[in-house]
């Protein structure tokens, strides 16, 4: 039977003893599997970049969500203020004050919309 190393390295290839010696001297991934090590390094760099992008996205999303929540609170407060203004202006209107109140009431009702 032929030497098993002959098929992998050709007839001039190292024998098992020499391969073992080389392995003990330097068993690093870079030496024995250089393409795998390069690919691993590239994937680690890509992963780090994706993690930075993810962190940036999450920070921006959280900031936008918080700003949206603040706007909702402000809109709710404004709606409540307009509703109170409408209720306060429902009393009978008189002359000039009545004209101003009517304009304010119309503006408040327009701002509140049909469900106000």
Protein backbone atom coordinates (compact mmCIF):
# COMPACT_ATOMS: atom_id res chain seq x y z
CA UNK A 1 0.00 0.00 0.00
CA UNK A 2 1.22 3.54 -0.82
CA UNK A 3 2.25 6.09 1.80
CA UNK A 4 -0.94 8.07 2.68
CA UNK A 5 1.06 11.32 2.67
CA UNK A 6 2.00 10.80 -0.94
CA UNK A 7 -1.53 11.51 -2.15
CA UNK A 8 -1.97 14.68 -0.13
CA UNK A 9 1.47 16.25 -0.75
CA UNK A 10 2.94 14.30 -3.61
CA UNK A 11 5.91 12.02 -3.25
CA UNK A 12 8.07 14.80 -1.78
CA UNK A 13 5.57 15.71 0.97
CA UNK A 14 6.41 15.64 4.70
CA UNK A 15 5.86 12.48 6.68
CA UNK A 16 3.64 12.29 9.77
CA UNK A 17 6.58 12.81 12.14
CA UNK A 18 7.60 16.02 10.38
CA UNK A 19 3.99 17.26 10.27
CA UNK A 20 3.65 16.58 14.00
CA UNK A 21 6.88 18.46 14.72
CA UNK A 22 5.69 21.46 12.71
CA UNK A 23 2.33 21.37 14.49
CA UNK A 24 4.02 21.40 17.90
CA UNK A 25 6.20 24.34 16.86
CA UNK A 26 3.29 26.43 15.64
CA UNK A 27 -0.28 25.14 15.83
CA UNK A 28 -1.85 28.52 15.09
CA UNK A 29 -4.97 28.73 12.98
CA UNK A 30 -3.25 31.22 10.68
CA UNK A 31 -0.51 28.74 9.73
CA UNK A 32 -2.59 25.61 9.22
CA UNK A 33 -5.82 27.10 7.93
CA UNK A 34 -4.87 30.50 6.47
CA UNK A 35 -8.04 31.02 4.41
CA UNK A 36 -10.19 30.17 7.39
CA UNK A 37 -8.24 32.57 9.60
CA UNK A 38 -8.56 35.39 7.04
CA UNK A 39 -12.26 34.71 6.65
CA UNK A 40 -12.69 34.63 10.43
CA UNK A 41 -10.92 37.99 10.78
CA UNK A 42 -13.13 39.48 8.06
CA UNK A 43 -16.27 38.13 9.70
CA UNK A 44 -15.20 39.44 13.10
CA UNK A 45 -14.63 42.90 11.59
CA UNK A 46 -18.00 42.75 9.83
CA UNK A 47 -19.67 41.63 13.06
CA UNK A 48 -18.11 44.53 14.97
CA UNK A 49 -19.32 47.00 12.32
CA UNK A 50 -22.81 45.52 12.42
CA UNK A 51 -22.84 45.76 16.20
CA UNK A 52 -21.88 49.44 16.00
CA UNK A 53 -24.64 50.01 13.43
CA UNK A 54 -27.11 48.17 15.64
CA UNK A 55 -26.17 50.26 18.65
CA UNK A 56 -26.53 53.47 16.63
CA UNK A 57 -29.90 52.33 15.27
CA UNK A 58 -31.18 51.45 18.75
CA UNK A 59 -30.06 54.78 20.18
CA UNK A 60 -31.73 56.69 17.33
CA UNK A 61 -34.88 54.58 17.59
CA UNK A 62 -35.11 55.11 21.34
CA UNK A 63 -34.54 58.84 20.93
CA UNK A 64 -37.25 59.06 18.25
CA UNK A 65 -39.62 56.99 20.38
CA UNK A 66 -39.03 59.26 23.39
CA UNK A 67 -39.57 62.38 21.27
CA UNK A 68 -42.78 60.87 19.88
CA UNK A 69 -44.03 60.10 23.39
CA UNK A 70 -43.33 63.69 24.43
CA UNK A 71 -45.26 64.99 21.42
CA UNK A 72 -48.18 62.72 22.28
CA UNK A 73 -48.19 64.05 25.84
CA UNK A 74 -48.06 67.63 24.53
CA UNK A 75 -50.89 66.96 22.08
CA UNK A 76 -52.97 65.41 24.84
CA UNK A 77 -52.35 68.45 27.06
CA UNK A 78 -53.26 70.82 24.23
CA UNK A 79 -56.40 68.85 23.47
CA UNK A 80 -57.39 68.99 27.13
CA UNK A 81 -56.75 72.75 27.21
CA UNK A 82 -58.82 73.28 24.07
CA UNK A 83 -61.62 71.15 25.47
CA UNK A 84 -61.65 73.23 28.67
CA UNK A 85 -61.62 76.42 26.59
CA UNK A 86 -64.58 75.21 24.55
CA UNK A 87 -66.49 74.34 27.71
CA UNK A 88 -65.69 77.73 29.24
CA UNK A 89 -66.90 79.58 26.14
CA UNK A 90 -70.25 77.83 25.97
CA UNK A 91 -71.84 80.46 28.22
CA UNK A 92 -74.04 83.04 26.48
CA UNK A 93 -71.99 85.38 24.29
CA UNK A 94 -72.34 89.18 24.40
CA UNK A 95 -71.31 91.96 21.95
CA UNK A 96 -67.53 92.37 21.34
CA UNK A 97 -66.50 89.78 23.91
CA UNK A 98 -68.91 87.44 22.25
CA UNK A 99 -67.27 87.97 18.85
CA UNK A 100 -63.81 87.21 20.24
CA UNK A 101 -65.12 84.20 22.12
CA UNK A 102 -66.92 82.98 18.98
CA UNK A 103 -63.68 83.19 16.96
CA UNK A 104 -61.75 81.41 19.72
CA UNK A 105 -64.48 78.80 20.04
CA UNK A 106 -64.51 78.19 16.28
CA UNK A 107 -60.69 77.91 16.21
CA UNK A 108 -60.70 75.52 19.18
CA UNK A 109 -63.44 73.38 17.62
CA UNK A 110 -61.51 73.29 14.34
CA UNK A 111 -58.35 72.25 16.15
CA UNK A 112 -60.16 69.53 18.08
CA UNK A 113 -61.79 68.16 14.95
CA UNK A 114 -65.15 66.42 14.69
CA UNK A 115 -64.58 64.24 17.79
CA UNK A 116 -63.64 67.15 20.10
